[in-house]
Amino acid sequence: MKKSVLDYKTTLDLFKMKKILFILFCSLNILAFSQSKMVWLKTADERFEMKDYQNALIYYKKVLNDTIALSTQILPYEVQLSNRDLSKKKQERNGKKVTLEEYVEHQIGMCYKHTFDYHRAEKQFEKTQHLEGYPTDAFYYGNALKKMGKLNQLLMLLRCLYVLLLILTP
């Protein structure tokens, strides 16, 4: 009789231990994803420096939208994926004070430009041409418009830039 009570307690302890290990394993998995954006950004920057623009583009997109990367994994039950916001604090990147989101958006446009995907580059630089940290994106936007044969839009852009230049110069 005493042995069966002991077996029951041992079995119960093993069950609790397995439960604790399972919870610990799941929490470690979540903690691993909390740093993933910075790892992806570092990898993307390394790929960009090596002129591997296709792979850099993949990692920059993961930084902007981590639900793309997390959706490829098999997760148990019904897990709702959420996209964590990037830091809004301005940081020093390539000699410019910009937010992390502005930097990544600019880099995505540069990857499209370097891979000669002018259609996507046009859309990307249209979004980023107004960023304070990257005034050259307006030039890249105009270049993409030219490559796409959208000369009327290019002419309107040049007129706006000319008027802006007249206003800003004393």
C-alpha atoms as a PDB file:
ATOM      1  CA  MET A   1       0.000   0.000   0.000  1.00  0.00           C
ATOM      2  CA  LYS A   2       2.758   2.397   0.876  1.00  0.00           C
ATOM      3  CA  LYS A   3       4.538   1.696  -2.392  1.00  0.00           C
ATOM      4  CA  SER A   4       1.547   2.719  -4.537  1.00  0.00           C
ATOM      5  CA  VAL A   5       1.242   6.083  -2.745  1.00  0.00           C
ATOM      6  CA  LEU A   6       4.953   6.645  -3.342  1.00  0.00           C
ATOM      7  CA  ASP A   7       4.550   5.749  -7.036  1.00  0.00           C
ATOM      8  CA  TYR A   8       1.650   8.175  -7.289  1.00  0.00           C
ATOM      9  CA  LYS A   9       3.727  11.022  -5.789  1.00  0.00           C
ATOM     10  CA  THR A  10       6.664  10.233  -8.082  1.00  0.00           C
ATOM     11  CA  THR A  11       4.389  10.201 -11.110  1.00  0.00           C
ATOM     12  CA  LEU A  12       2.823  13.485 -10.014  1.00  0.00           C
ATOM     13  CA  ASP A  13       6.271  15.050  -9.505  1.00  0.00           C
ATOM     14  CA  LEU A  14       7.367  13.881 -12.959  1.00  0.00           C
ATOM     15  CA  PHE A  15       4.218  15.350 -14.488  1.00  0.00           C
ATOM     16  CA  LYS A  16       4.865  18.706 -12.766  1.00  0.00           C
ATOM     17  CA  MET A  17       8.485  18.641 -13.910  1.00  0.00           C
ATOM     18  CA  LYS A  18       7.449  17.979 -17.513  1.00  0.00           C
ATOM     19  CA  LYS A  19       4.929  20.799 -17.329  1.00  0.00           C
ATOM     20  CA  ILE A  20       7.546  23.232 -15.985  1.00  0.00           C
ATOM     21  CA  LEU A  21      10.038  22.183 -18.665  1.00  0.00           C
ATOM     22  CA  PHE A  22       7.413  22.671 -21.378  1.00  0.00           C
ATOM     23  CA  ILE A  23       6.555  26.175 -20.134  1.00  0.00           C
ATOM     24  CA  LEU A  24      10.248  27.028 -19.868  1.00  0.00           C
ATOM     25  CA  PHE A  25      10.859  25.798 -23.424  1.00  0.00           C
ATOM     26  CA  CYS A  26       7.954  27.879 -24.786  1.00  0.00           C
ATOM     27  CA  SER A  27       9.093  31.018 -22.968  1.00  0.00           C
ATOM     28  CA  LEU A  28      12.645  30.636 -24.290  1.00  0.00           C
ATOM     29  CA  ASN A  29      11.232  30.423 -27.803  1.00  0.00           C
ATOM     30  CA  ILE A  30       9.348  33.691 -27.295  1.00  0.00           C
ATOM     31  CA  LEU A  31      12.450  35.377 -25.875  1.00  0.00           C
ATOM     32  CA  ALA A  32      14.420  34.324 -28.933  1.00  0.00           C
ATOM     33  CA  PHE A  33      12.014  36.249 -31.175  1.00  0.00           C
ATOM     34  CA  SER A  34      12.311  39.430 -29.110  1.00  0.00           C
ATOM     35  CA  GLN A  35      15.854  39.978 -30.381  1.00  0.00           C
ATOM     36  CA  SER A  36      15.200  38.706 -33.882  1.00  0.00           C
ATOM     37  CA  LYS A  37      14.574  42.136 -35.457  1.00  0.00           C
ATOM     38  CA  MET A  38      18.013  43.402 -34.505  1.00  0.00           C
ATOM     39  CA  VAL A  39      19.621  40.173 -35.731  1.00  0.00           C
ATOM     40  CA  TRP A  40      17.725  40.475 -39.029  1.00  0.00           C
ATOM     41  CA  LEU A  41      18.805  44.096 -39.358  1.00  0.00           C
ATOM     42  CA  LYS A  42      22.450  43.221 -38.740  1.00  0.00           C
ATOM     43  CA  THR A  43      22.241  40.381 -41.266  1.00  0.00           C
ATOM     44  CA  ALA A  44      20.549  42.656 -43.803  1.00  0.00           C
ATOM     45  CA  ASP A  45      23.227  45.315 -43.377  1.00  0.00           C
ATOM     46  CA  GLU A  46      25.962  42.712 -43.810  1.00  0.00           C
ATOM     47  CA  ARG A  47      24.314  41.401 -46.978  1.00  0.00           C
ATOM     48  CA  PHE A  48      23.908  44.953 -48.289  1.00  0.00           C
ATOM     49  CA  GLU A  49      27.596  45.665 -47.675  1.00  0.00           C
ATOM     50  CA  MET A  50      28.489  42.496 -49.603  1.00  0.00           C
ATOM     51  CA  LYS A  51      26.263  43.744 -52.470  1.00  0.00           C
ATOM     52  CA  ASP A  52      23.918  40.770 -51.971  1.00  0.00           C
ATOM     53  CA  TYR A  53      20.856  42.965 -52.425  1.00  0.00           C
ATOM     54  CA  GLN A  54      18.291  40.170 -52.919  1.00  0.00           C
ATOM     55  CA  ASN A  55      19.017  38.581 -49.555  1.00  0.00           C
ATOM     56  CA  ALA A  56      19.395  41.968 -47.856  1.00  0.00           C
ATOM     57  CA  LEU A  57      15.917  42.846 -49.125  1.00  0.00           C
ATOM     58  CA  ILE A  58      14.473  39.684 -47.571  1.00  0.00           C
ATOM     59  CA  TYR A  59      15.927  40.528 -44.168  1.00  0.00           C
ATOM     60  CA  TYR A  60      14.934  44.221 -44.330  1.00  0.00           C
ATOM     61  CA  LYS A  61      11.357  43.155 -45.035  1.00  0.00           C
ATOM     62  CA  LYS A  62      11.477  40.820 -42.038  1.00  0.00           C
ATOM     63  CA  VAL A  63      12.573  43.732 -39.856  1.00  0.00           C
ATOM     64  CA  LEU A  64       9.595  45.823 -40.963  1.00  0.00           C
ATOM     65  CA  ASN A  65       7.048  43.050 -40.698  1.00  0.00           C
ATOM     66  CA  ASP A  66       8.002  40.185 -38.414  1.00  0.00           C
ATOM     67  CA  THR A  67       4.670  38.437 -38.992  1.00  0.00           C
ATOM     68  CA  ILE A  68       6.000  37.430 -42.437  1.00  0.00           C
ATOM     69  CA  ALA A  69       8.869  35.539 -40.844  1.00  0.00           C
ATOM     70  CA  LEU A  70       6.857  34.102 -37.971  1.00  0.00           C
ATOM     71  CA  SER A  71       4.045  32.911 -40.248  1.00  0.00           C
ATOM     72  CA  THR A  72       6.387  30.366 -41.854  1.00  0.00           C
ATOM     73  CA  GLN A  73       6.779  28.512 -38.568  1.00  0.00           C
ATOM     74  CA  ILE A  74       4.424  25.880 -37.250  1.00  0.00           C
ATOM     75  CA  LEU A  75       2.923  27.144 -34.015  1.00  0.00           C
ATOM     76  CA  PRO A  76       0.631  25.052 -31.774  1.00  0.00           C
ATOM     77  CA  TYR A  77      -3.015  25.900 -31.247  1.00  0.00           C
ATOM     78  CA  GLU A  78      -4.356  29.250 -32.327  1.00  0.00           C
ATOM     79  CA  VAL A  79      -1.553  31.718 -31.878  1.00  0.00           C
ATOM     80  CA  GLN A  80      -2.140  35.282 -32.946  1.00  0.00           C
ATOM     81  CA  LEU A  81       0.917  36.838 -34.535  1.00  0.00           C
ATOM     82  CA  SER A  82       1.592  40.480 -33.838  1.00  0.00           C
ATOM     83  CA  ASN A  83       3.997  42.910 -35.410  1.00  0.00           C
ATOM     84  CA  ARG A  84       6.126  44.726 -32.842  1.00  0.00           C
ATOM     85  CA  ASP A  85       6.756  48.376 -33.598  1.00  0.00           C
ATOM     86  CA  LEU A  86      10.250  49.586 -34.311  1.00  0.00           C
ATOM     87  CA  SER A  87      11.853  52.169 -32.074  1.00  0.00           C
ATOM     88  CA  LYS A  88      10.799  55.748 -32.869  1.00  0.00           C
ATOM     89  CA  LYS A  89      13.970  57.103 -31.271  1.00  0.00           C
ATOM     90  CA  LYS A  90      16.367  58.631 -33.794  1.00  0.00           C
ATOM     91  CA  GLN A  91      19.689  56.856 -34.052  1.00  0.00           C
ATOM     92  CA  GLU A  92      22.909  57.456 -35.934  1.00  0.00           C
ATOM     93  CA  ARG A  93      22.838  55.381 -39.151  1.00  0.00           C
ATOM     94  CA  ASN A  94      25.367  55.984 -41.928  1.00  0.00           C
ATOM     95  CA  GLY A  95      26.084  59.460 -40.582  1.00  0.00           C
ATOM     96  CA  LYS A  96      22.399  60.481 -40.406  1.00  0.00           C
ATOM     97  CA  LYS A  97      20.009  60.798 -37.477  1.00  0.00           C
ATOM     98  CA  VAL A  98      16.981  58.712 -38.492  1.00  0.00           C
ATOM     99  CA  THR A  99      14.528  56.330 -36.899  1.00  0.00           C
ATOM    100  CA  LEU A 100      15.034  52.641 -37.447  1.00  0.00           C
ATOM    101  CA  GLU A 101      11.896  52.455 -39.589  1.00  0.00           C
ATOM    102  CA  GLU A 102      13.078  55.288 -41.863  1.00  0.00           C
ATOM    103  CA  TYR A 103      16.453  53.599 -42.255  1.00  0.00           C
ATOM    104  CA  VAL A 104      14.924  50.238 -43.179  1.00  0.00           C
ATOM    105  CA  GLU A 105      12.442  51.826 -45.621  1.00  0.00           C
ATOM    106  CA  HIS A 106      15.312  53.673 -47.328  1.00  0.00           C
ATOM    107  CA  GLN A 107      17.438  50.529 -47.487  1.00  0.00           C
ATOM    108  CA  ILE A 108      14.565  48.573 -49.075  1.00  0.00           C
ATOM    109  CA  GLY A 109      14.342  51.228 -51.783  1.00  0.00           C
ATOM    110  CA  MET A 110      18.094  51.033 -52.338  1.00  0.00           C
ATOM    111  CA  CYS A 111      17.908  47.236 -52.678  1.00  0.00           C
ATOM    112  CA  TYR A 112      15.199  47.591 -55.331  1.00  0.00           C
ATOM    113  CA  LYS A 113      17.306  50.199 -57.124  1.00  0.00           C
ATOM    114  CA  HIS A 114      20.411  48.011 -57.118  1.00  0.00           C
ATOM    115  CA  THR A 115      18.459  44.977 -58.368  1.00  0.00           C
ATOM    116  CA  PHE A 116      16.992  47.078 -61.202  1.00  0.00           C
ATOM    117  CA  ASP A 117      13.423  46.523 -59.976  1.00  0.00           C
ATOM    118  CA  TYR A 118      12.364  50.048 -60.897  1.00  0.00           C
ATOM    119  CA  HIS A 119       8.636  49.402 -60.507  1.00  0.00           C
ATOM    120  CA  ARG A 120       9.034  48.539 -56.803  1.00  0.00           C
ATOM    121  CA  ALA A 121      11.787  51.127 -56.358  1.00  0.00           C
ATOM    122  CA  GLU A 122       9.408  53.794 -57.641  1.00  0.00           C
ATOM    123  CA  LYS A 123       6.759  52.843 -55.071  1.00  0.00           C
ATOM    124  CA  GLN A 124       9.314  52.631 -52.261  1.00  0.00           C
ATOM    125  CA  PHE A 125      11.032  55.936 -53.039  1.00  0.00           C
ATOM    126  CA  GLU A 126       7.645  57.616 -53.416  1.00  0.00           C
ATOM    127  CA  LYS A 127       7.105  56.747 -49.727  1.00  0.00           C
ATOM    128  CA  THR A 128      10.596  57.736 -48.597  1.00  0.00           C
ATOM    129  CA  GLN A 129      11.256  60.862 -50.672  1.00  0.00           C
ATOM    130  CA  HIS A 130       9.824  63.062 -47.914  1.00  0.00           C
ATOM    131  CA  LEU A 131      12.020  61.645 -45.156  1.00  0.00           C
ATOM    132  CA  GLU A 132      14.191  64.290 -43.553  1.00  0.00           C
ATOM    133  CA  GLY A 133      17.203  62.007 -43.236  1.00  0.00           C
ATOM    134  CA  TYR A 134      17.287  60.950 -46.891  1.00  0.00           C
ATOM    135  CA  PRO A 135      16.739  63.913 -49.239  1.00  0.00           C
ATOM    136  CA  THR A 136      18.407  61.990 -52.095  1.00  0.00           C
ATOM    137  CA  ASP A 137      15.425  59.637 -52.216  1.00  0.00           C
ATOM    138  CA  ALA A 138      13.585  62.270 -54.273  1.00  0.00           C
ATOM    139  CA  PHE A 139      16.353  61.946 -56.884  1.00  0.00           C
ATOM    140  CA  TYR A 140      16.087  58.141 -56.788  1.00  0.00           C
ATOM    141  CA  TYR A 141      12.312  58.441 -57.149  1.00  0.00           C
ATOM    142  CA  GLY A 142      12.770  60.634 -60.213  1.00  0.00           C
ATOM    143  CA  ASN A 143      15.291  58.199 -61.647  1.00  0.00           C
ATOM    144  CA  ALA A 144      12.852  55.303 -61.179  1.00  0.00           C
ATOM    145  CA  LEU A 145      10.111  57.336 -62.885  1.00  0.00           C
ATOM    146  CA  LYS A 146      12.461  57.977 -65.809  1.00  0.00           C
ATOM    147  CA  LYS A 147      13.366  54.282 -66.081  1.00  0.00           C
ATOM    148  CA  MET A 148       9.663  53.366 -66.041  1.00  0.00           C
ATOM    149  CA  GLY A 149       8.925  55.888 -68.797  1.00  0.00           C
ATOM    150  CA  LYS A 150       6.630  58.038 -66.619  1.00  0.00           C
ATOM    151  CA  LEU A 151       7.960  61.321 -67.930  1.00  0.00           C
ATOM    152  CA  ASN A 152       4.871  63.420 -67.042  1.00  0.00           C
ATOM    153  CA  GLN A 153       5.176  62.441 -63.388  1.00  0.00           C
ATOM    154  CA  LEU A 154       8.925  63.085 -63.548  1.00  0.00           C
ATOM    155  CA  LEU A 155       8.321  66.565 -64.952  1.00  0.00           C
ATOM    156  CA  MET A 156       5.863  67.347 -62.130  1.00  0.00           C
ATOM    157  CA  LEU A 157       8.380  66.116 -59.563  1.00  0.00           C
ATOM    158  CA  LEU A 158      11.140  68.263 -61.040  1.00  0.00           C
ATOM    159  CA  ARG A 159       8.887  71.326 -60.995  1.00  0.00           C
ATOM    160  CA  CYS A 160       8.037  70.722 -57.326  1.00  0.00           C
ATOM    161  CA  LEU A 161      11.699  70.266 -56.448  1.00  0.00           C
ATOM    162  CA  TYR A 162      12.603  73.446 -58.356  1.00  0.00           C
ATOM    163  CA  VAL A 163       9.952  75.474 -56.530  1.00  0.00           C
ATOM    164  CA  LEU A 164      11.119  74.012 -53.225  1.00  0.00           C
ATOM    165  CA  LEU A 165      14.700  74.940 -54.060  1.00  0.00           C
ATOM    166  CA  LEU A 166      13.619  78.537 -54.874  1.00  0.00           C
ATOM    167  CA  ILE A 167      11.783  78.802 -51.568  1.00  0.00           C
ATOM    168  CA  LEU A 168      14.644  77.411 -49.489  1.00  0.00           C
ATOM    169  CA  THR A 169      17.469  79.450 -51.042  1.00  0.00           C
ATOM    170  CA  PRO A 170      17.812  83.022 -49.751  1.00  0.00           C
END
